[in-house]
């Protein structure tokens, strides 16, 4: 059975383009994998919150003396377990001020953990989250593609490809709607293009 991990991170609810995209991608993947199971997290509604210094120290082997940390560590470990158990990951990611949402960053800080999702050895770093497919449902108000003059401001898609590639998620497909804030005609054209790309996804 195929397990799909579906993450949304927009704070805009029903007005969110990235949520529409991620839902369409998951629907397409479910059609391609009829027996699939979906694990869903809306990070804007029930995210993990920002990691504390004590939490980060604990993930690096410091002894846990605060009982409240046990629950926080359990939450982080559960996120990692879900990631490792999934075959496909779909992340809805809006661009906020040229970067990802703080809610998504908080989740990333829970899953990028040495010894669980990556390790260092004599050859350098090795990502431990391998053999999985990653889809990014990206929404941007302007145009920040790697070929354009505004690419230097992209700390959203470039960051996600970098940090998730660091832990082994290197098979990445980006479905993007950009130019959202540049008028309804531009937005509609981008939505139409993205929907066609989603319809063309293959197993």
C-alpha atoms as a PDB file:
ATOM      1  CA  UNK A   1       0.000   0.000   0.000  1.00  0.00           C
ATOM      2  CA  UNK A   2       1.221   3.491  -0.879  1.00  0.00           C
ATOM      3  CA  UNK A   3       1.362   6.001   1.956  1.00  0.00           C
ATOM      4  CA  UNK A   4       1.038   9.691   1.074  1.00  0.00           C
ATOM      5  CA  UNK A   5       2.112  12.329   3.598  1.00  0.00           C
ATOM      6  CA  UNK A   6       0.186  15.544   2.861  1.00  0.00           C
ATOM      7  CA  UNK A   7       1.375  18.759   4.526  1.00  0.00           C
ATOM      8  CA  UNK A   8      -0.336  22.160   4.231  1.00  0.00           C
ATOM      9  CA  UNK A   9       1.212  25.308   5.674  1.00  0.00           C
ATOM     10  CA  UNK A  10      -0.743  28.290   4.351  1.00  0.00           C
ATOM     11  CA  UNK A  11      -2.451  30.605   6.850  1.00  0.00           C
ATOM     12  CA  UNK A  12      -5.085  31.667   4.281  1.00  0.00           C
ATOM     13  CA  UNK A  13      -7.530  28.782   4.666  1.00  0.00           C
ATOM     14  CA  UNK A  14     -10.008  28.523   1.791  1.00  0.00           C
ATOM     15  CA  UNK A  15      -8.292  31.454   0.018  1.00  0.00           C
ATOM     16  CA  UNK A  16      -5.026  29.558  -0.241  1.00  0.00           C
ATOM     17  CA  UNK A  17      -3.742  28.630  -3.690  1.00  0.00           C
ATOM     18  CA  UNK A  18      -1.115  26.250  -2.304  1.00  0.00           C
ATOM     19  CA  UNK A  19      -3.863  24.329  -0.473  1.00  0.00           C
ATOM     20  CA  UNK A  20      -5.848  23.981  -3.695  1.00  0.00           C
ATOM     21  CA  UNK A  21      -2.756  22.736  -5.496  1.00  0.00           C
ATOM     22  CA  UNK A  22      -1.724  20.258  -2.819  1.00  0.00           C
ATOM     23  CA  UNK A  23      -5.268  18.859  -2.625  1.00  0.00           C
ATOM     24  CA  UNK A  24      -5.369  18.417  -6.413  1.00  0.00           C
ATOM     25  CA  UNK A  25      -1.992  16.678  -6.381  1.00  0.00           C
ATOM     26  CA  UNK A  26      -3.085  14.288  -3.634  1.00  0.00           C
ATOM     27  CA  UNK A  27      -6.350  13.558  -5.479  1.00  0.00           C
ATOM     28  CA  UNK A  28      -4.371  12.728  -8.622  1.00  0.00           C
ATOM     29  CA  UNK A  29      -1.986  10.498  -6.670  1.00  0.00           C
ATOM     30  CA  UNK A  30      -4.913   8.698  -5.042  1.00  0.00           C
ATOM     31  CA  UNK A  31      -6.343   8.038  -8.501  1.00  0.00           C
ATOM     32  CA  UNK A  32      -2.983   6.616  -9.551  1.00  0.00           C
ATOM     33  CA  UNK A  33      -2.672   4.587  -6.332  1.00  0.00           C
ATOM     34  CA  UNK A  34      -6.256   3.524  -5.450  1.00  0.00           C
ATOM     35  CA  UNK A  35      -5.285   1.687  -2.267  1.00  0.00           C
ATOM     36  CA  UNK A  36      -3.195   4.546  -0.907  1.00  0.00           C
ATOM     37  CA  UNK A  37      -3.408   5.903   2.634  1.00  0.00           C
ATOM     38  CA  UNK A  38      -3.144   9.650   3.283  1.00  0.00           C
ATOM     39  CA  UNK A  39      -1.661  11.164   6.431  1.00  0.00           C
ATOM     40  CA  UNK A  40      -2.621  14.844   6.619  1.00  0.00           C
ATOM     41  CA  UNK A  41      -1.317  17.751   8.683  1.00  0.00           C
ATOM     42  CA  UNK A  42      -2.550  21.337   8.544  1.00  0.00           C
ATOM     43  CA  UNK A  43       0.412  23.070  10.149  1.00  0.00           C
ATOM     44  CA  UNK A  44      -1.396  26.404  10.333  1.00  0.00           C
ATOM     45  CA  UNK A  45      -4.082  24.815  12.511  1.00  0.00           C
ATOM     46  CA  UNK A  46      -2.196  22.209  14.528  1.00  0.00           C
ATOM     47  CA  UNK A  47       1.492  22.733  13.872  1.00  0.00           C
ATOM     48  CA  UNK A  48       4.255  21.789  16.312  1.00  0.00           C
ATOM     49  CA  UNK A  49       5.202  25.334  17.278  1.00  0.00           C
ATOM     50  CA  UNK A  50       8.738  26.641  17.222  1.00  0.00           C
ATOM     51  CA  UNK A  51      11.420  24.468  18.750  1.00  0.00           C
ATOM     52  CA  UNK A  52      12.912  25.574  22.046  1.00  0.00           C
ATOM     53  CA  UNK A  53      16.587  25.596  22.904  1.00  0.00           C
ATOM     54  CA  UNK A  54      16.006  22.796  25.371  1.00  0.00           C
ATOM     55  CA  UNK A  55      14.331  20.721  22.650  1.00  0.00           C
ATOM     56  CA  UNK A  56      17.192  21.207  20.210  1.00  0.00           C
ATOM     57  CA  UNK A  57      19.700  20.321  22.933  1.00  0.00           C
ATOM     58  CA  UNK A  58      17.731  17.164  23.747  1.00  0.00           C
ATOM     59  CA  UNK A  59      17.771  16.047  20.103  1.00  0.00           C
ATOM     60  CA  UNK A  60      21.544  16.317  20.269  1.00  0.00           C
ATOM     61  CA  UNK A  61      21.843  14.011  23.268  1.00  0.00           C
ATOM     62  CA  UNK A  62      21.522  16.332  26.256  1.00  0.00           C
ATOM     63  CA  UNK A  63      19.825  14.604  29.176  1.00  0.00           C
ATOM     64  CA  UNK A  64      16.134  15.469  29.502  1.00  0.00           C
ATOM     65  CA  UNK A  65      15.380  16.804  32.981  1.00  0.00           C
ATOM     66  CA  UNK A  66      12.218  18.760  32.181  1.00  0.00           C
ATOM     67  CA  UNK A  67       9.197  16.400  32.033  1.00  0.00           C
ATOM     68  CA  UNK A  68       7.402  18.706  29.571  1.00  0.00           C
ATOM     69  CA  UNK A  69      10.124  18.010  27.018  1.00  0.00           C
ATOM     70  CA  UNK A  70       9.107  14.372  26.731  1.00  0.00           C
ATOM     71  CA  UNK A  71       5.843  15.276  25.000  1.00  0.00           C
ATOM     72  CA  UNK A  72       7.628  17.699  22.672  1.00  0.00           C
ATOM     73  CA  UNK A  73      10.196  15.075  21.748  1.00  0.00           C
ATOM     74  CA  UNK A  74       7.455  12.518  21.169  1.00  0.00           C
ATOM     75  CA  UNK A  75       5.759  14.910  18.748  1.00  0.00           C
ATOM     76  CA  UNK A  76       8.971  15.431  16.820  1.00  0.00           C
ATOM     77  CA  UNK A  77       9.671  11.711  16.674  1.00  0.00           C
ATOM     78  CA  UNK A  78       6.131  11.075  15.424  1.00  0.00           C
ATOM     79  CA  UNK A  79       6.671  13.513  12.549  1.00  0.00           C
ATOM     80  CA  UNK A  80       9.887  11.744  11.616  1.00  0.00           C
ATOM     81  CA  UNK A  81       8.263   8.301  11.857  1.00  0.00           C
ATOM     82  CA  UNK A  82       5.494   9.457   9.490  1.00  0.00           C
ATOM     83  CA  UNK A  83       8.044  10.829   7.045  1.00  0.00           C
ATOM     84  CA  UNK A  84      10.083   7.646   7.047  1.00  0.00           C
ATOM     85  CA  UNK A  85       6.965   5.487   6.637  1.00  0.00           C
ATOM     86  CA  UNK A  86       5.632   7.482   3.677  1.00  0.00           C
ATOM     87  CA  UNK A  87       6.247   6.694   0.039  1.00  0.00           C
ATOM     88  CA  UNK A  88       5.172  10.090  -1.306  1.00  0.00           C
ATOM     89  CA  UNK A  89       5.307  13.510   0.352  1.00  0.00           C
ATOM     90  CA  UNK A  90       3.163  16.426  -0.830  1.00  0.00           C
ATOM     91  CA  UNK A  91       3.851  19.838   0.690  1.00  0.00           C
ATOM     92  CA  UNK A  92       1.711  22.902   0.097  1.00  0.00           C
ATOM     93  CA  UNK A  93       4.038  25.881   0.387  1.00  0.00           C
ATOM     94  CA  UNK A  94       3.143  29.533  -0.097  1.00  0.00           C
ATOM     95  CA  UNK A  95       5.875  32.137  -0.417  1.00  0.00           C
ATOM     96  CA  UNK A  96       5.711  34.680   2.403  1.00  0.00           C
ATOM     97  CA  UNK A  97       8.206  37.543   2.140  1.00  0.00           C
ATOM     98  CA  UNK A  98      10.386  35.476  -0.221  1.00  0.00           C
ATOM     99  CA  UNK A  99      10.534  32.461   2.124  1.00  0.00           C
ATOM    100  CA  UNK A 100       8.445  29.601   3.483  1.00  0.00           C
ATOM    101  CA  UNK A 101       5.845  30.044   6.208  1.00  0.00           C
ATOM    102  CA  UNK A 102       7.086  29.926   9.797  1.00  0.00           C
ATOM    103  CA  UNK A 103       4.678  27.019  10.370  1.00  0.00           C
ATOM    104  CA  UNK A 104       6.439  24.938   7.722  1.00  0.00           C
ATOM    105  CA  UNK A 105       9.846  25.935   9.082  1.00  0.00           C
ATOM    106  CA  UNK A 106       8.770  24.713  12.527  1.00  0.00           C
ATOM    107  CA  UNK A 107       7.890  21.310  11.044  1.00  0.00           C
ATOM    108  CA  UNK A 108      11.208  21.159   9.190  1.00  0.00           C
ATOM    109  CA  UNK A 109      13.048  21.876  12.427  1.00  0.00           C
ATOM    110  CA  UNK A 110      11.352  18.768  13.871  1.00  0.00           C
ATOM    111  CA  UNK A 111      12.297  16.432  11.027  1.00  0.00           C
ATOM    112  CA  UNK A 112      15.862  17.478  10.168  1.00  0.00           C
ATOM    113  CA  UNK A 113      17.489  15.657  13.060  1.00  0.00           C
ATOM    114  CA  UNK A 114      20.949  14.089  13.077  1.00  0.00           C
ATOM    115  CA  UNK A 115      20.843  10.327  13.503  1.00  0.00           C
ATOM    116  CA  UNK A 116      17.224  10.100  12.358  1.00  0.00           C
ATOM    117  CA  UNK A 117      16.998  11.758   8.942  1.00  0.00           C
ATOM    118  CA  UNK A 118      20.671  12.433   8.191  1.00  0.00           C
ATOM    119  CA  UNK A 119      24.083  11.467   9.488  1.00  0.00           C
ATOM    120  CA  UNK A 120      27.667  12.562   9.199  1.00  0.00           C
ATOM    121  CA  UNK A 121      30.493  10.130   8.540  1.00  0.00           C
ATOM    122  CA  UNK A 122      33.994  10.172   7.103  1.00  0.00           C
ATOM    123  CA  UNK A 123      32.543  10.841   3.644  1.00  0.00           C
ATOM    124  CA  UNK A 124      30.488  13.828   4.734  1.00  0.00           C
ATOM    125  CA  UNK A 125      26.724  13.936   5.131  1.00  0.00           C
ATOM    126  CA  UNK A 126      24.230  11.249   4.117  1.00  0.00           C
ATOM    127  CA  UNK A 127      20.489  11.781   3.907  1.00  0.00           C
ATOM    128  CA  UNK A 128      18.534   8.912   5.434  1.00  0.00           C
ATOM    129  CA  UNK A 129      15.110   9.647   3.900  1.00  0.00           C
ATOM    130  CA  UNK A 130      15.607   7.859   0.597  1.00  0.00           C
ATOM    131  CA  UNK A 131      13.544   6.299  -2.155  1.00  0.00           C
ATOM    132  CA  UNK A 132      10.596   8.671  -1.837  1.00  0.00           C
ATOM    133  CA  UNK A 133       8.877  11.088  -4.186  1.00  0.00           C
ATOM    134  CA  UNK A 134       8.400  14.716  -3.133  1.00  0.00           C
ATOM    135  CA  UNK A 135       5.857  17.120  -4.621  1.00  0.00           C
ATOM    136  CA  UNK A 136       5.942  20.820  -3.779  1.00  0.00           C
ATOM    137  CA  UNK A 137       2.698  22.716  -4.392  1.00  0.00           C
ATOM    138  CA  UNK A 138       4.126  26.212  -4.602  1.00  0.00           C
ATOM    139  CA  UNK A 139       2.260  29.532  -4.668  1.00  0.00           C
ATOM    140  CA  UNK A 140       4.033  32.824  -5.302  1.00  0.00           C
ATOM    141  CA  UNK A 141       2.743  36.363  -5.653  1.00  0.00           C
ATOM    142  CA  UNK A 142       5.347  37.283  -8.280  1.00  0.00           C
ATOM    143  CA  UNK A 143       7.780  35.473 -10.559  1.00  0.00           C
ATOM    144  CA  UNK A 144      10.869  33.989  -8.906  1.00  0.00           C
ATOM    145  CA  UNK A 145      11.866  31.120 -11.198  1.00  0.00           C
ATOM    146  CA  UNK A 146      15.523  30.196 -11.372  1.00  0.00           C
ATOM    147  CA  UNK A 147      15.678  31.591 -14.910  1.00  0.00           C
ATOM    148  CA  UNK A 148      14.318  35.031 -14.052  1.00  0.00           C
ATOM    149  CA  UNK A 149      15.866  38.250 -12.717  1.00  0.00           C
ATOM    150  CA  UNK A 150      14.070  37.868  -9.350  1.00  0.00           C
ATOM    151  CA  UNK A 151      15.474  34.396  -8.668  1.00  0.00           C
ATOM    152  CA  UNK A 152      17.876  35.769  -6.045  1.00  0.00           C
ATOM    153  CA  UNK A 153      14.842  36.466  -3.831  1.00  0.00           C
ATOM    154  CA  UNK A 154      13.621  32.866  -3.862  1.00  0.00           C
ATOM    155  CA  UNK A 155      14.240  31.506  -0.378  1.00  0.00           C
ATOM    156  CA  UNK A 156      11.164  29.290  -0.633  1.00  0.00           C
ATOM    157  CA  UNK A 157      11.535  26.643  -3.346  1.00  0.00           C
ATOM    158  CA  UNK A 158      15.344  26.854  -3.337  1.00  0.00           C
ATOM    159  CA  UNK A 159      15.423  26.416   0.434  1.00  0.00           C
ATOM    160  CA  UNK A 160      13.000  23.487   0.410  1.00  0.00           C
ATOM    161  CA  UNK A 161      14.920  21.684  -2.324  1.00  0.00           C
ATOM    162  CA  UNK A 162      18.122  22.250  -0.372  1.00  0.00           C
ATOM    163  CA  UNK A 163      17.027  21.288   3.121  1.00  0.00           C
ATOM    164  CA  UNK A 164      14.854  18.345   2.046  1.00  0.00           C
ATOM    165  CA  UNK A 165      17.516  17.189  -0.398  1.00  0.00           C
ATOM    166  CA  UNK A 166      19.952  17.271   2.531  1.00  0.00           C
ATOM    167  CA  UNK A 167      17.924  14.534   4.252  1.00  0.00           C
ATOM    168  CA  UNK A 168      17.606  12.489   1.059  1.00  0.00           C
ATOM    169  CA  UNK A 169      14.476  13.791  -0.673  1.00  0.00           C
ATOM    170  CA  UNK A 170      16.030  14.455  -4.065  1.00  0.00           C
ATOM    171  CA  UNK A 171      13.250  13.225  -6.376  1.00  0.00           C
ATOM    172  CA  UNK A 172      11.311  16.504  -6.483  1.00  0.00           C
ATOM    173  CA  UNK A 173       8.482  17.754  -8.683  1.00  0.00           C
ATOM    174  CA  UNK A 174       7.369  21.371  -8.279  1.00  0.00           C
ATOM    175  CA  UNK A 175       3.864  22.377  -9.333  1.00  0.00           C
ATOM    176  CA  UNK A 176       3.830  26.171  -9.215  1.00  0.00           C
ATOM    177  CA  UNK A 177       1.254  28.938  -9.506  1.00  0.00           C
ATOM    178  CA  UNK A 178       3.099  32.235  -9.683  1.00  0.00           C
ATOM    179  CA  UNK A 179       2.133  35.799 -10.425  1.00  0.00           C
ATOM    180  CA  UNK A 180      -0.887  35.482  -8.122  1.00  0.00           C
ATOM    181  CA  UNK A 181      -0.780  39.153  -7.171  1.00  0.00           C
ATOM    182  CA  UNK A 182      -0.398  40.414 -10.732  1.00  0.00           C
ATOM    183  CA  UNK A 183      -4.044  40.214 -11.767  1.00  0.00           C
ATOM    184  CA  UNK A 184      -6.751  37.633 -12.291  1.00  0.00           C
ATOM    185  CA  UNK A 185      -5.751  36.904 -15.887  1.00  0.00           C
ATOM    186  CA  UNK A 186      -2.179  36.060 -14.907  1.00  0.00           C
ATOM    187  CA  UNK A 187      -3.367  33.990 -11.947  1.00  0.00           C
ATOM    188  CA  UNK A 188      -5.929  32.103 -14.063  1.00  0.00           C
ATOM    189  CA  UNK A 189      -3.320  31.242 -16.678  1.00  0.00           C
ATOM    190  CA  UNK A 190      -0.932  29.955 -14.020  1.00  0.00           C
ATOM    191  CA  UNK A 191      -3.701  27.899 -12.391  1.00  0.00           C
ATOM    192  CA  UNK A 192      -4.635  26.374 -15.750  1.00  0.00           C
ATOM    193  CA  UNK A 193      -1.000  25.436 -16.417  1.00  0.00           C
ATOM    194  CA  UNK A 194      -0.621  23.878 -12.956  1.00  0.00           C
ATOM    195  CA  UNK A 195      -3.836  21.864 -13.302  1.00  0.00           C
ATOM    196  CA  UNK A 196      -2.615  20.493 -16.640  1.00  0.00           C
ATOM    197  CA  UNK A 197       0.686  19.493 -15.029  1.00  0.00           C
ATOM    198  CA  UNK A 198      -1.162  17.742 -12.207  1.00  0.00           C
ATOM    199  CA  UNK A 199      -3.429  15.902 -14.667  1.00  0.00           C
ATOM    200  CA  UNK A 200      -0.308  14.682 -16.454  1.00  0.00           C
ATOM    201  CA  UNK A 201       1.338  13.194 -13.371  1.00  0.00           C
ATOM    202  CA  UNK A 202       2.098   9.515 -13.784  1.00  0.00           C
ATOM    203  CA  UNK A 203       2.619   6.754 -11.252  1.00  0.00           C
END
